[in-house]
Amino acid sequence: MWNTRLWSCSRSGPDCIIETDAALAYLDSWRCKVLRENTVAPILDVLLEPDGPGAGIGQHLANNLLFEAALHPDMPSVCLCRDDALYSELRALIPRFMAKFVDPVYFQGCDSIPNTKNPFSFNSLADNNFCATYVRVYRKNKVRVSADLYNLYQSHGLLDPSHVVGEWHSLYI
């Protein structure tokens, strides 16, 4: 579908939601290319490329995806691709992560009835629901972390062992 005349002006790759198998195959071919060329571009930058493995998913989704995968946005692409376990975790996460955006719960809260009869007015209710529920880390100064995600970060050795949960933590103290 993505390689048709309709989308010929767009350089984007396969859609992660409706073309999951093609998107995962594209991700695998991207991995081979990264390993072959020893690409060191940060994984966030690569996900933001319209023809990259994230098919241009956008800044907030890319940041949220990496947060849920316990991957630093500045991690060099080649480091991710060399690590079979990390790559497999990200590969398995992408379809689950993107499935949230076709779930009836998402549509009910974020694609719901408009605030007014004016179809051009800003839907602040849908925006508030979206930002509160689906924007996890992008431009946030506080983030709630589930026990499973906390344990994932811990298992990867990404947490400060001297930090006490519930107390303020800053890298600059």
C-alpha atoms as a PDB file:
ATOM      1  CA  MET A   1       0.000   0.000   0.000  1.00  0.00           C
ATOM      2  CA  TRP A   2       2.713   2.526   0.938  1.00  0.00           C
ATOM      3  CA  ASN A   3       4.520   2.082  -2.353  1.00  0.00           C
ATOM      4  CA  THR A   4       1.594   3.174  -4.545  1.00  0.00           C
ATOM      5  CA  ARG A   5       1.171   6.280  -6.676  1.00  0.00           C
ATOM      6  CA  LEU A   6      -1.025   7.877  -4.013  1.00  0.00           C
ATOM      7  CA  TRP A   7       1.902   7.999  -1.598  1.00  0.00           C
ATOM      8  CA  SER A   8       4.677   8.351  -4.184  1.00  0.00           C
ATOM      9  CA  CYS A   9       5.468  11.924  -3.083  1.00  0.00           C
ATOM     10  CA  SER A  10       5.815  10.789   0.521  1.00  0.00           C
ATOM     11  CA  ARG A  11       9.051   9.061   1.472  1.00  0.00           C
ATOM     12  CA  SER A  12       7.538   7.263   4.446  1.00  0.00           C
ATOM     13  CA  GLY A  13       7.925   3.559   5.103  1.00  0.00           C
ATOM     14  CA  PRO A  14       5.170   1.056   5.921  1.00  0.00           C
ATOM     15  CA  ASP A  15       2.545   1.945   8.505  1.00  0.00           C
ATOM     16  CA  CYS A  16       3.177   0.229  11.859  1.00  0.00           C
ATOM     17  CA  ILE A  17      -0.546  -0.217  12.514  1.00  0.00           C
ATOM     18  CA  ILE A  18      -2.091  -1.413   9.259  1.00  0.00           C
ATOM     19  CA  GLU A  19       1.044  -2.887   7.681  1.00  0.00           C
ATOM     20  CA  THR A  20       2.663  -4.434  10.751  1.00  0.00           C
ATOM     21  CA  ASP A  21       4.435  -7.302   8.963  1.00  0.00           C
ATOM     22  CA  ALA A  22       5.828  -4.980   6.287  1.00  0.00           C
ATOM     23  CA  ALA A  23       6.910  -2.477   8.963  1.00  0.00           C
ATOM     24  CA  LEU A  24       8.730  -5.184  10.924  1.00  0.00           C
ATOM     25  CA  ALA A  25      10.413  -6.448   7.745  1.00  0.00           C
ATOM     26  CA  TYR A  26      11.440  -2.851   7.020  1.00  0.00           C
ATOM     27  CA  LEU A  27      12.816  -2.591  10.570  1.00  0.00           C
ATOM     28  CA  ASP A  28      14.839  -5.779  10.036  1.00  0.00           C
ATOM     29  CA  SER A  29      16.270  -4.491   6.746  1.00  0.00           C
ATOM     30  CA  TRP A  30      17.103  -1.190   8.468  1.00  0.00           C
ATOM     31  CA  ARG A  31      18.971  -3.150  11.147  1.00  0.00           C
ATOM     32  CA  CYS A  32      21.033  -4.966   8.513  1.00  0.00           C
ATOM     33  CA  LYS A  33      21.877  -1.632   6.876  1.00  0.00           C
ATOM     34  CA  VAL A  34      22.913  -0.094  10.219  1.00  0.00           C
ATOM     35  CA  LEU A  35      25.163  -3.051  11.012  1.00  0.00           C
ATOM     36  CA  ARG A  36      26.659  -3.030   7.523  1.00  0.00           C
ATOM     37  CA  GLU A  37      27.339   0.739   7.538  1.00  0.00           C
ATOM     38  CA  ASN A  38      28.097   1.060  11.274  1.00  0.00           C
ATOM     39  CA  THR A  39      25.561   3.903  11.601  1.00  0.00           C
ATOM     40  CA  VAL A  40      25.977   5.913  14.788  1.00  0.00           C
ATOM     41  CA  ALA A  41      23.011   8.305  14.391  1.00  0.00           C
ATOM     42  CA  PRO A  42      20.944   8.537  17.606  1.00  0.00           C
ATOM     43  CA  ILE A  43      17.980   6.169  17.606  1.00  0.00           C
ATOM     44  CA  LEU A  44      15.556   9.075  18.209  1.00  0.00           C
ATOM     45  CA  ASP A  45      16.783  10.876  15.087  1.00  0.00           C
ATOM     46  CA  VAL A  46      16.401   7.703  13.053  1.00  0.00           C
ATOM     47  CA  LEU A  47      12.830   7.164  14.284  1.00  0.00           C
ATOM     48  CA  LEU A  48      11.959  10.714  13.221  1.00  0.00           C
ATOM     49  CA  GLU A  49      13.108  10.195   9.638  1.00  0.00           C
ATOM     50  CA  PRO A  50      10.107   9.808   7.302  1.00  0.00           C
ATOM     51  CA  ASP A  51      11.789   6.874   5.557  1.00  0.00           C
ATOM     52  CA  GLY A  52      13.330   5.416   8.727  1.00  0.00           C
ATOM     53  CA  PRO A  53      12.166   2.397  10.729  1.00  0.00           C
ATOM     54  CA  GLY A  54       9.636   4.506  12.646  1.00  0.00           C
ATOM     55  CA  ALA A  55       8.071   5.768   9.401  1.00  0.00           C
ATOM     56  CA  GLY A  56       8.138   9.286  10.823  1.00  0.00           C
ATOM     57  CA  ILE A  57       6.020   8.546  13.911  1.00  0.00           C
ATOM     58  CA  GLY A  58       6.756  11.977  15.355  1.00  0.00           C
ATOM     59  CA  GLN A  59       8.581  13.471  18.291  1.00  0.00           C
ATOM     60  CA  HIS A  60       6.255  12.554  21.163  1.00  0.00           C
ATOM     61  CA  LEU A  61       5.526   9.000  19.997  1.00  0.00           C
ATOM     62  CA  ALA A  62       9.208   8.312  19.341  1.00  0.00           C
ATOM     63  CA  ASN A  63      10.135   9.559  22.816  1.00  0.00           C
ATOM     64  CA  ASN A  64       7.332   7.542  24.419  1.00  0.00           C
ATOM     65  CA  LEU A  65       8.322   4.406  22.505  1.00  0.00           C
ATOM     66  CA  LEU A  66      11.947   4.696  23.594  1.00  0.00           C
ATOM     67  CA  PHE A  67      10.879   5.402  27.187  1.00  0.00           C
ATOM     68  CA  GLU A  68       8.728   2.264  27.243  1.00  0.00           C
ATOM     69  CA  ALA A  69      11.590   0.278  25.687  1.00  0.00           C
ATOM     70  CA  ALA A  70      14.046   1.641  28.302  1.00  0.00           C
ATOM     71  CA  LEU A  71      16.273   3.022  25.545  1.00  0.00           C
ATOM     72  CA  HIS A  72      18.007   6.401  25.746  1.00  0.00           C
ATOM     73  CA  PRO A  73      17.019   8.632  22.797  1.00  0.00           C
ATOM     74  CA  ASP A  74      20.678   9.427  22.074  1.00  0.00           C
ATOM     75  CA  MET A  75      21.721   5.767  21.952  1.00  0.00           C
ATOM     76  CA  PRO A  76      23.656   5.166  18.733  1.00  0.00           C
ATOM     77  CA  SER A  77      21.635   3.070  16.299  1.00  0.00           C
ATOM     78  CA  VAL A  78      24.477   0.609  15.874  1.00  0.00           C
ATOM     79  CA  CYS A  79      24.536  -0.135  19.632  1.00  0.00           C
ATOM     80  CA  LEU A  80      20.848  -1.052  19.541  1.00  0.00           C
ATOM     81  CA  CYS A  81      21.264  -3.154  16.415  1.00  0.00           C
ATOM     82  CA  ARG A  82      24.290  -5.048  17.749  1.00  0.00           C
ATOM     83  CA  ASP A  83      22.439  -6.119  20.890  1.00  0.00           C
ATOM     84  CA  ASP A  84      20.078  -8.954  19.908  1.00  0.00           C
ATOM     85  CA  ALA A  85      18.094  -8.752  23.165  1.00  0.00           C
ATOM     86  CA  LEU A  86      17.533  -4.975  23.013  1.00  0.00           C
ATOM     87  CA  TYR A  87      16.640  -5.096  19.335  1.00  0.00           C
ATOM     88  CA  SER A  88      14.193  -7.977  19.903  1.00  0.00           C
ATOM     89  CA  GLU A  89      12.542  -6.107  22.788  1.00  0.00           C
ATOM     90  CA  LEU A  90      12.066  -2.991  20.643  1.00  0.00           C
ATOM     91  CA  ARG A  91      10.838  -5.058  17.687  1.00  0.00           C
ATOM     92  CA  ALA A  92       8.234  -6.774  19.883  1.00  0.00           C
ATOM     93  CA  LEU A  93       7.194  -3.511  21.537  1.00  0.00           C
ATOM     94  CA  ILE A  94       6.458  -1.490  18.393  1.00  0.00           C
ATOM     95  CA  PRO A  95       3.229  -3.311  17.367  1.00  0.00           C
ATOM     96  CA  ARG A  96       1.914  -3.313  20.968  1.00  0.00           C
ATOM     97  CA  PHE A  97       2.809   0.343  21.395  1.00  0.00           C
ATOM     98  CA  MET A  98       1.113   1.422  18.163  1.00  0.00           C
ATOM     99  CA  ALA A  99      -1.978  -0.752  18.789  1.00  0.00           C
ATOM    100  CA  LYS A 100      -3.038   1.697  21.518  1.00  0.00           C
ATOM    101  CA  PHE A 101      -3.966   4.183  18.814  1.00  0.00           C
ATOM    102  CA  VAL A 102      -6.601   1.950  17.219  1.00  0.00           C
ATOM    103  CA  ASP A 103      -8.088   0.768  20.500  1.00  0.00           C
ATOM    104  CA  PRO A 104     -11.738   1.736  21.205  1.00  0.00           C
ATOM    105  CA  VAL A 105     -10.637   3.280  24.525  1.00  0.00           C
ATOM    106  CA  TYR A 106      -8.374   5.656  22.600  1.00  0.00           C
ATOM    107  CA  PHE A 107     -11.157   6.642  20.215  1.00  0.00           C
ATOM    108  CA  GLN A 108     -13.605   7.188  23.059  1.00  0.00           C
ATOM    109  CA  GLY A 109     -11.310   9.553  24.943  1.00  0.00           C
ATOM    110  CA  CYS A 110      -9.407  11.262  22.164  1.00  0.00           C
ATOM    111  CA  ASP A 111     -11.626  11.128  19.087  1.00  0.00           C
ATOM    112  CA  SER A 112     -14.837  11.805  20.915  1.00  0.00           C
ATOM    113  CA  ILE A 113     -17.643  14.302  20.604  1.00  0.00           C
ATOM    114  CA  PRO A 114     -16.367  17.828  19.900  1.00  0.00           C
ATOM    115  CA  ASN A 115     -16.610  20.598  22.523  1.00  0.00           C
ATOM    116  CA  THR A 116     -18.839  22.771  20.333  1.00  0.00           C
ATOM    117  CA  LYS A 117     -20.919  22.565  17.179  1.00  0.00           C
ATOM    118  CA  ASN A 118     -18.182  24.428  15.335  1.00  0.00           C
ATOM    119  CA  PRO A 119     -16.127  21.729  13.584  1.00  0.00           C
ATOM    120  CA  PHE A 120     -13.127  24.089  13.425  1.00  0.00           C
ATOM    121  CA  SER A 121     -12.933  24.826  17.143  1.00  0.00           C
ATOM    122  CA  PHE A 122     -10.125  23.297  19.144  1.00  0.00           C
ATOM    123  CA  ASN A 123     -11.250  20.190  21.040  1.00  0.00           C
ATOM    124  CA  SER A 124      -9.651  20.855  24.416  1.00  0.00           C
ATOM    125  CA  LEU A 125     -11.287  17.827  26.071  1.00  0.00           C
ATOM    126  CA  ALA A 126      -9.802  15.418  23.523  1.00  0.00           C
ATOM    127  CA  ASP A 127      -6.452  17.219  23.747  1.00  0.00           C
ATOM    128  CA  ASN A 128      -6.431  17.000  27.553  1.00  0.00           C
ATOM    129  CA  ASN A 129      -7.311  13.296  27.420  1.00  0.00           C
ATOM    130  CA  PHE A 130      -4.617  12.630  24.823  1.00  0.00           C
ATOM    131  CA  CYS A 131      -1.877  14.545  26.667  1.00  0.00           C
ATOM    132  CA  ALA A 132      -2.762  13.027  30.044  1.00  0.00           C
ATOM    133  CA  THR A 133      -3.061   9.447  28.795  1.00  0.00           C
ATOM    134  CA  TYR A 134      -0.888   9.012  25.706  1.00  0.00           C
ATOM    135  CA  VAL A 135       1.943  11.534  26.024  1.00  0.00           C
ATOM    136  CA  ARG A 136       4.144   9.822  28.589  1.00  0.00           C
ATOM    137  CA  VAL A 137       7.451  11.708  28.579  1.00  0.00           C
ATOM    138  CA  TYR A 138       7.673  14.250  25.772  1.00  0.00           C
ATOM    139  CA  ARG A 139       7.918  17.724  27.347  1.00  0.00           C
ATOM    140  CA  LYS A 140       7.017  16.390  30.785  1.00  0.00           C
ATOM    141  CA  ASN A 141       8.809  17.259  34.002  1.00  0.00           C
ATOM    142  CA  LYS A 142       7.222  14.401  35.973  1.00  0.00           C
ATOM    143  CA  VAL A 143       6.611  10.858  34.835  1.00  0.00           C
ATOM    144  CA  ARG A 144       4.769   7.992  36.488  1.00  0.00           C
ATOM    145  CA  VAL A 145       6.431   4.640  35.956  1.00  0.00           C
ATOM    146  CA  SER A 146       4.699   1.278  36.281  1.00  0.00           C
ATOM    147  CA  ALA A 147       6.343  -1.455  38.347  1.00  0.00           C
ATOM    148  CA  ASP A 148       7.050  -3.485  35.194  1.00  0.00           C
ATOM    149  CA  LEU A 149       8.749  -0.562  33.477  1.00  0.00           C
ATOM    150  CA  TYR A 150      10.699   0.267  36.632  1.00  0.00           C
ATOM    151  CA  ASN A 151      11.902  -3.334  36.782  1.00  0.00           C
ATOM    152  CA  LEU A 152      12.899  -3.194  33.106  1.00  0.00           C
ATOM    153  CA  TYR A 153      15.006  -0.085  33.747  1.00  0.00           C
ATOM    154  CA  GLN A 154      16.488  -1.751  36.825  1.00  0.00           C
ATOM    155  CA  SER A 155      17.325  -4.959  34.933  1.00  0.00           C
ATOM    156  CA  HIS A 156      19.165  -2.895  32.299  1.00  0.00           C
ATOM    157  CA  GLY A 157      21.176  -1.124  35.010  1.00  0.00           C
ATOM    158  CA  LEU A 158      19.748   2.267  34.057  1.00  0.00           C
ATOM    159  CA  LEU A 159      18.752   3.516  37.516  1.00  0.00           C
ATOM    160  CA  ASP A 160      20.868   5.322  40.083  1.00  0.00           C
ATOM    161  CA  PRO A 161      21.391   2.786  42.908  1.00  0.00           C
ATOM    162  CA  SER A 162      21.701   5.583  45.500  1.00  0.00           C
ATOM    163  CA  HIS A 163      18.314   7.134  44.636  1.00  0.00           C
ATOM    164  CA  VAL A 164      15.402   6.601  47.037  1.00  0.00           C
ATOM    165  CA  VAL A 165      12.083   6.028  45.255  1.00  0.00           C
ATOM    166  CA  GLY A 166       9.645   8.857  45.966  1.00  0.00           C
ATOM    167  CA  GLU A 167      12.328  11.458  46.672  1.00  0.00           C
ATOM    168  CA  TRP A 168      13.335  14.187  44.222  1.00  0.00           C
ATOM    169  CA  HIS A 169      16.201  13.175  41.974  1.00  0.00           C
ATOM    170  CA  SER A 170      18.303  15.367  39.779  1.00  0.00           C
ATOM    171  CA  LEU A 171      21.376  14.548  37.759  1.00  0.00           C
ATOM    172  CA  TYR A 172      22.726  17.997  38.577  1.00  0.00           C
ATOM    173  CA  ILE A 173      22.835  17.685  42.387  1.00  0.00           C
END
